[in-house]
Structures are given as C-alpha cells and as structure tokens.
Amino acid sequence: MIYVLFTIYVILASSGLILFKYGSNGISINFIKGLHFSFSWISLLGIICYMASFILWLVIVSRTKLTWAFPLSVALINLIIFISSSILFKETITWVNILGVILISLGVGLIGLKGFK
C-alpha cells in the first residue's frame, strides 16, 4: 500500500509544480496599494495538487523510513520535472543535466537497496 501512496504522492507533487509553473503567467501581485492576488485556474489546480501531495507526504513519513522516502521522492520528482520541463516548456537539456540525472538515479538506487521498512 505504501508504494501506491508514494506513487500518487510523486505524481501529485510533480503535477502541482508543473501546473503552477504553466499557469504562472496569470499571477499578478500588487504590493503598493495592498496585497492583491490574481491566479489562473491552472495555478490554483497546481496548488491543490501540491497541497494534496503534502497530506500524502505526512502519511508516507509516518509509515516508512525518512532516509528511504525523502531521497527517492526528491529524485523521482526531479526526474519527472526535468523531462516535463523539456517537453512542455521547451527548456534546454545539456549533457551535464543528463549526467546529473544519471548520478542522482544511481545514488537513489544505492540508498534504496535495503528497502523501505
């Protein structure tokens, strides 16, 4: 069950960040005459996904080792955002970026050898 929750967490956290970035063009904040926020519906959906992922994170942390869950979640979220950013936002991927993703994946693989319990 923890693997299912963890997978949903990674998807929600990644989606939340990507949706917030995608909808961030509609955000306007006025600090001179007071605090005024104007969010697009895509940004609001991203915030909701990210908040739901936080609630799932609390459940995951309470049921597993933090030394397993945190590195794996960071690596997977970074990988998903890395790939999504290049596809959705046309961000450039260099060989240094790819090497970094490979090294992070290897490190997480070593951490995860003992399992989550």
N, C-alpha and C. Protein backbone atom coordinates (compact mmCIF):
# COMPACT_ATOMS: atom_id res chain seq x y z
N MET A 1 0.82 -1.20 0.00
CA MET A 1 0.00 0.00 0.00
C MET A 1 0.86 1.27 0.00
N ILE A 2 2.01 1.21 0.69
CA ILE A 2 2.86 2.40 0.78
C ILE A 2 3.41 2.78 -0.60
N TYR A 3 3.63 1.76 -1.46
CA TYR A 3 4.12 2.06 -2.80
C TYR A 3 3.07 2.82 -3.62
N VAL A 4 1.82 2.46 -3.44
CA VAL A 4 0.73 3.15 -4.15
C VAL A 4 0.64 4.60 -3.68
N LEU A 5 0.66 4.80 -2.36
CA LEU A 5 0.62 6.16 -1.80
C LEU A 5 1.82 6.97 -2.27
N PHE A 6 2.98 6.33 -2.29
CA PHE A 6 4.20 7.02 -2.71
C PHE A 6 4.10 7.43 -4.18
N THR A 7 3.59 6.55 -5.02
CA THR A 7 3.43 6.86 -6.44
C THR A 7 2.46 8.02 -6.64
N ILE A 8 1.35 7.99 -5.93
CA ILE A 8 0.38 9.09 -6.01
C ILE A 8 1.01 10.39 -5.53
N TYR A 9 1.79 10.31 -4.45
CA TYR A 9 2.47 11.50 -3.93
C TYR A 9 3.39 12.11 -4.99
N VAL A 10 4.22 11.29 -5.61
CA VAL A 10 5.16 11.78 -6.62
C VAL A 10 4.41 12.42 -7.79
N ILE A 11 3.34 11.79 -8.22
CA ILE A 11 2.55 12.33 -9.33
C ILE A 11 1.91 13.66 -8.95
N LEU A 12 1.32 13.73 -7.76
CA LEU A 12 0.68 14.99 -7.32
C LEU A 12 1.68 16.11 -7.12
N ALA A 13 2.82 15.80 -6.49
CA ALA A 13 3.83 16.84 -6.25
C ALA A 13 4.40 17.36 -7.56
N SER A 14 4.72 16.45 -8.48
CA SER A 14 5.24 16.86 -9.79
C SER A 14 4.21 17.65 -10.57
N SER A 15 2.99 17.14 -10.59
CA SER A 15 1.92 17.82 -11.32
C SER A 15 1.65 19.20 -10.74
N GLY A 16 1.67 19.30 -9.42
CA GLY A 16 1.43 20.59 -8.78
C GLY A 16 2.46 21.63 -9.19
N LEU A 17 3.72 21.24 -9.18
CA LEU A 17 4.78 22.18 -9.57
C LEU A 17 4.70 22.55 -11.05
N ILE A 18 4.43 21.56 -11.88
CA ILE A 18 4.34 21.82 -13.33
C ILE A 18 3.13 22.70 -13.65
N LEU A 19 1.98 22.39 -13.04
CA LEU A 19 0.79 23.20 -13.29
C LEU A 19 0.96 24.62 -12.78
N PHE A 20 1.60 24.77 -11.62
CA PHE A 20 1.82 26.11 -11.09
C PHE A 20 2.72 26.92 -12.03
N LYS A 21 3.75 26.29 -12.54
CA LYS A 21 4.65 26.96 -13.50
C LYS A 21 3.88 27.30 -14.78
N TYR A 22 3.11 26.34 -15.28
CA TYR A 22 2.37 26.53 -16.52
C TYR A 22 1.37 27.67 -16.41
N GLY A 23 0.72 27.79 -15.26
CA GLY A 23 -0.29 28.83 -15.09
C GLY A 23 0.22 30.10 -14.45
N SER A 24 1.52 30.19 -14.24
CA SER A 24 2.07 31.35 -13.51
C SER A 24 2.03 32.65 -14.30
N ASN A 25 1.75 32.61 -15.58
CA ASN A 25 1.64 33.84 -16.37
C ASN A 25 0.46 34.68 -15.94
N GLY A 26 -0.56 34.06 -15.36
CA GLY A 26 -1.76 34.78 -14.95
C GLY A 26 -1.68 35.35 -13.55
N ILE A 27 -0.55 35.20 -12.86
CA ILE A 27 -0.43 35.66 -11.49
C ILE A 27 -0.04 37.13 -11.47
N SER A 28 -0.76 37.91 -10.70
CA SER A 28 -0.37 39.31 -10.50
C SER A 28 -0.51 39.65 -9.02
N ILE A 29 0.51 40.29 -8.49
CA ILE A 29 0.52 40.67 -7.08
C ILE A 29 0.79 42.17 -7.01
N ASN A 30 -0.07 42.89 -6.31
CA ASN A 30 0.08 44.33 -6.16
C ASN A 30 0.44 44.63 -4.71
N PHE A 31 1.68 45.05 -4.48
CA PHE A 31 2.14 45.32 -3.13
C PHE A 31 2.03 46.81 -2.75
N ILE A 32 1.83 47.68 -3.72
CA ILE A 32 1.82 49.11 -3.43
C ILE A 32 0.51 49.53 -2.76
N LYS A 33 -0.64 49.13 -3.29
CA LYS A 33 -1.92 49.52 -2.72
C LYS A 33 -2.50 48.45 -1.82
N GLY A 34 -1.74 47.49 -1.48
CA GLY A 34 -2.22 46.38 -0.66
C GLY A 34 -1.91 45.06 -1.34
N LEU A 35 -2.27 44.03 -0.70
CA LEU A 35 -1.98 42.71 -1.22
C LEU A 35 -3.11 42.25 -2.12
N HIS A 36 -2.82 42.02 -3.38
CA HIS A 36 -3.81 41.59 -4.36
C HIS A 36 -3.27 40.40 -5.12
N PHE A 37 -3.99 39.29 -5.09
CA PHE A 37 -3.60 38.10 -5.82
C PHE A 37 -4.60 37.84 -6.94
N SER A 38 -4.10 37.42 -8.07
CA SER A 38 -4.94 37.03 -9.18
C SER A 38 -4.32 35.78 -9.81
N PHE A 39 -4.90 34.61 -9.53
CA PHE A 39 -4.36 33.35 -10.01
C PHE A 39 -5.20 32.81 -11.16
N SER A 40 -4.54 32.14 -12.08
CA SER A 40 -5.27 31.43 -13.13
C SER A 40 -5.79 30.12 -12.54
N TRP A 41 -6.76 29.52 -13.19
CA TRP A 41 -7.31 28.27 -12.69
C TRP A 41 -6.27 27.15 -12.76
N ILE A 42 -5.34 27.23 -13.69
CA ILE A 42 -4.28 26.22 -13.79
C ILE A 42 -3.35 26.32 -12.57
N SER A 43 -3.02 27.53 -12.16
CA SER A 43 -2.19 27.71 -10.96
C SER A 43 -2.92 27.21 -9.72
N LEU A 44 -4.20 27.49 -9.63
CA LEU A 44 -4.98 27.01 -8.48
C LEU A 44 -5.03 25.48 -8.45
N LEU A 45 -5.16 24.86 -9.61
CA LEU A 45 -5.14 23.40 -9.69
C LEU A 45 -3.78 22.87 -9.24
N GLY A 46 -2.72 23.56 -9.63
CA GLY A 46 -1.38 23.18 -9.19
C GLY A 46 -1.22 23.28 -7.69
N ILE A 47 -1.75 24.33 -7.10
CA ILE A 47 -1.69 24.50 -5.64
C ILE A 47 -2.47 23.39 -4.94
N ILE A 48 -3.62 23.03 -5.48
CA ILE A 48 -4.43 21.95 -4.88
C ILE A 48 -3.68 20.62 -4.96
N CYS A 49 -3.07 20.33 -6.11
CA CYS A 49 -2.29 19.09 -6.25
C CYS A 49 -1.13 19.07 -5.25
N TYR A 50 -0.45 20.20 -5.12
CA TYR A 50 0.70 20.26 -4.22
C TYR A 50 0.26 20.12 -2.76
N MET A 51 -0.87 20.71 -2.40
CA MET A 51 -1.38 20.57 -1.04
C MET A 51 -1.79 19.12 -0.76
N ALA A 52 -2.42 18.47 -1.72
CA ALA A 52 -2.81 17.06 -1.55
C ALA A 52 -1.56 16.19 -1.41
N SER A 53 -0.52 16.52 -2.15
CA SER A 53 0.73 15.75 -2.03
C SER A 53 1.34 15.92 -0.65
N PHE A 54 1.22 17.10 -0.07
CA PHE A 54 1.74 17.33 1.28
C PHE A 54 1.02 16.45 2.30
N ILE A 55 -0.29 16.33 2.17
CA ILE A 55 -1.06 15.49 3.08
C ILE A 55 -0.63 14.02 2.92
N LEU A 56 -0.45 13.58 1.70
CA LEU A 56 0.05 12.22 1.46
C LEU A 56 1.45 12.05 2.03
N TRP A 57 2.28 13.08 1.93
CA TRP A 57 3.64 13.01 2.46
C TRP A 57 3.62 12.76 3.96
N LEU A 58 2.70 13.37 4.67
CA LEU A 58 2.58 13.15 6.11
C LEU A 58 2.28 11.68 6.42
N VAL A 59 1.42 11.08 5.62
CA VAL A 59 1.08 9.67 5.80
C VAL A 59 2.30 8.79 5.48
N ILE A 60 2.98 9.10 4.40
CA ILE A 60 4.14 8.30 3.99
C ILE A 60 5.24 8.35 5.03
N VAL A 61 5.53 9.53 5.53
CA VAL A 61 6.60 9.69 6.51
C VAL A 61 6.26 8.95 7.81
N SER A 62 5.00 8.91 8.16
CA SER A 62 4.61 8.22 9.39
C SER A 62 4.69 6.70 9.25
N ARG A 63 4.72 6.18 8.03
CA ARG A 63 4.69 4.73 7.82
C ARG A 63 5.98 4.13 7.27
N THR A 64 6.98 4.94 6.99
CA THR A 64 8.20 4.41 6.40
C THR A 64 9.41 5.18 6.90
N LYS A 65 10.58 4.74 6.49
CA LYS A 65 11.82 5.41 6.88
C LYS A 65 11.99 6.69 6.08
N LEU A 66 12.30 7.75 6.76
CA LEU A 66 12.54 9.03 6.08
C LEU A 66 13.79 8.95 5.22
N THR A 67 14.78 8.17 5.66
CA THR A 67 16.02 8.03 4.89
C THR A 67 15.81 7.30 3.57
N TRP A 68 14.70 6.60 3.45
CA TRP A 68 14.35 5.96 2.18
C TRP A 68 13.41 6.86 1.37
N ALA A 69 12.39 7.39 2.03
CA ALA A 69 11.33 8.12 1.32
C ALA A 69 11.82 9.45 0.76
N PHE A 70 12.57 10.20 1.54
CA PHE A 70 12.95 11.54 1.08
C PHE A 70 13.85 11.53 -0.15
N PRO A 71 14.98 10.79 -0.14
CA PRO A 71 15.82 10.81 -1.34
C PRO A 71 15.11 10.29 -2.59
N LEU A 72 14.32 9.23 -2.40
CA LEU A 72 13.62 8.66 -3.55
C LEU A 72 12.58 9.64 -4.10
N SER A 73 11.85 10.29 -3.22
CA SER A 73 10.84 11.24 -3.69
C SER A 73 11.48 12.43 -4.40
N VAL A 74 12.55 12.96 -3.83
CA VAL A 74 13.23 14.09 -4.46
C VAL A 74 13.76 13.71 -5.84
N ALA A 75 14.37 12.52 -5.92
CA ALA A 75 14.92 12.08 -7.21
C ALA A 75 13.83 11.89 -8.25
N LEU A 76 12.75 11.23 -7.87
CA LEU A 76 11.68 10.98 -8.84
C LEU A 76 10.98 12.26 -9.28
N ILE A 77 10.73 13.14 -8.32
CA ILE A 77 10.09 14.41 -8.67
C ILE A 77 11.00 15.24 -9.56
N ASN A 78 12.29 15.27 -9.25
CA ASN A 78 13.24 16.00 -10.10
C ASN A 78 13.30 15.41 -11.50
N LEU A 79 13.28 14.09 -11.60
CA LEU A 79 13.33 13.44 -12.91
C LEU A 79 12.08 13.76 -13.73
N ILE A 80 10.92 13.68 -13.10
CA ILE A 80 9.67 13.99 -13.81
C ILE A 80 9.64 15.45 -14.25
N ILE A 81 10.05 16.34 -13.38
CA ILE A 81 10.06 17.76 -13.73
C ILE A 81 11.11 18.05 -14.81
N PHE A 82 12.24 17.38 -14.74
CA PHE A 82 13.29 17.53 -15.74
C PHE A 82 12.77 17.17 -17.13
N ILE A 83 12.12 16.03 -17.23
CA ILE A 83 11.59 15.58 -18.53
C ILE A 83 10.42 16.46 -18.96
N SER A 84 9.51 16.75 -18.04
CA SER A 84 8.33 17.57 -18.38
C SER A 84 8.71 18.98 -18.80
N SER A 85 9.71 19.55 -18.14
CA SER A 85 10.13 20.91 -18.48
C SER A 85 10.70 20.99 -19.88
N SER A 86 11.42 19.95 -20.28
CA SER A 86 11.97 19.96 -21.63
C SER A 86 10.86 19.79 -22.68
N ILE A 87 9.83 19.04 -22.34
CA ILE A 87 8.74 18.81 -23.30
C ILE A 87 7.75 19.98 -23.31
N LEU A 88 7.26 20.37 -22.12
CA LEU A 88 6.20 21.38 -22.04
C LEU A 88 6.70 22.81 -22.19
N PHE A 89 7.87 23.09 -21.59
CA PHE A 89 8.36 24.47 -21.57
C PHE A 89 9.53 24.68 -22.52
N LYS A 90 9.88 23.65 -23.28
CA LYS A 90 10.97 23.73 -24.26
C LYS A 90 12.29 24.16 -23.64
N GLU A 91 12.53 23.73 -22.39
CA GLU A 91 13.79 24.04 -21.73
C GLU A 91 14.89 23.17 -22.31
N THR A 92 16.09 23.71 -22.39
CA THR A 92 17.22 23.02 -22.99
C THR A 92 17.80 21.99 -22.02
N ILE A 93 18.09 20.82 -22.54
CA ILE A 93 18.76 19.77 -21.77
C ILE A 93 20.18 19.63 -22.30
N THR A 94 21.14 19.74 -21.40
CA THR A 94 22.54 19.59 -21.79
C THR A 94 23.06 18.24 -21.30
N TRP A 95 24.24 17.89 -21.76
CA TRP A 95 24.84 16.62 -21.33
C TRP A 95 25.16 16.66 -19.83
N VAL A 96 25.42 17.83 -19.29
CA VAL A 96 25.67 17.96 -17.85
C VAL A 96 24.39 17.67 -17.07
N ASN A 97 23.26 18.15 -17.57
CA ASN A 97 21.96 17.85 -16.94
C ASN A 97 21.69 16.34 -16.94
N ILE A 98 21.94 15.72 -18.07
CA ILE A 98 21.70 14.28 -18.19
C ILE A 98 22.62 13.51 -17.25
N LEU A 99 23.88 13.91 -17.17
CA LEU A 99 24.82 13.27 -16.26
C LEU A 99 24.36 13.43 -14.81
N GLY A 100 23.87 14.59 -14.47
CA GLY A 100 23.35 14.83 -13.12
C GLY A 100 22.19 13.93 -12.79
N VAL A 101 21.26 13.76 -13.72
CA VAL A 101 20.11 12.88 -13.51
C VAL A 101 20.56 11.43 -13.34
N ILE A 102 21.54 11.02 -14.12
CA ILE A 102 22.06 9.65 -14.00
C ILE A 102 22.71 9.45 -12.64
N LEU A 103 23.52 10.41 -12.20
CA LEU A 103 24.19 10.28 -10.90
C LEU A 103 23.19 10.27 -9.74
N ILE A 104 22.17 11.11 -9.83
CA ILE A 104 21.14 11.13 -8.79
C ILE A 104 20.41 9.79 -8.77
N SER A 105 20.08 9.26 -9.94
CA SER A 105 19.39 7.97 -10.02
C SER A 105 20.23 6.85 -9.43
N LEU A 106 21.53 6.85 -9.73
CA LEU A 106 22.42 5.84 -9.15
C LEU A 106 22.49 5.96 -7.64
N GLY A 107 22.58 7.18 -7.14
CA GLY A 107 22.63 7.40 -5.69
C GLY A 107 21.36 6.94 -5.00
N VAL A 108 20.24 7.24 -5.58
CA VAL A 108 18.96 6.81 -5.00
C VAL A 108 18.84 5.29 -5.06
N GLY A 109 19.32 4.70 -6.14
CA GLY A 109 19.31 3.25 -6.24
C GLY A 109 20.13 2.61 -5.12
N LEU A 110 21.26 3.19 -4.81
CA LEU A 110 22.09 2.67 -3.71
C LEU A 110 21.40 2.84 -2.36
N ILE A 111 20.74 3.97 -2.16
CA ILE A 111 20.03 4.20 -0.91
C ILE A 111 18.88 3.21 -0.75
N GLY A 112 18.19 2.91 -1.84
CA GLY A 112 17.03 2.06 -1.79
C GLY A 112 17.31 0.57 -1.76
N LEU A 113 18.58 0.16 -1.75
CA LEU A 113 18.90 -1.25 -1.77
C LEU A 113 18.34 -2.01 -0.56
N LYS A 114 18.27 -1.36 0.57
CA LYS A 114 17.78 -2.01 1.80
C LYS A 114 16.27 -2.04 1.91
N GLY A 115 15.57 -1.31 1.07
CA GLY A 115 14.11 -1.29 1.12
C GLY A 115 13.58 -0.21 2.03
N PHE A 116 12.27 -0.17 2.16
CA PHE A 116 11.63 0.94 2.86
C PHE A 116 11.28 0.64 4.29
N LYS A 117 11.35 -0.57 4.77
CA LYS A 117 10.95 -0.89 6.15
C LYS A 117 12.13 -1.07 7.05
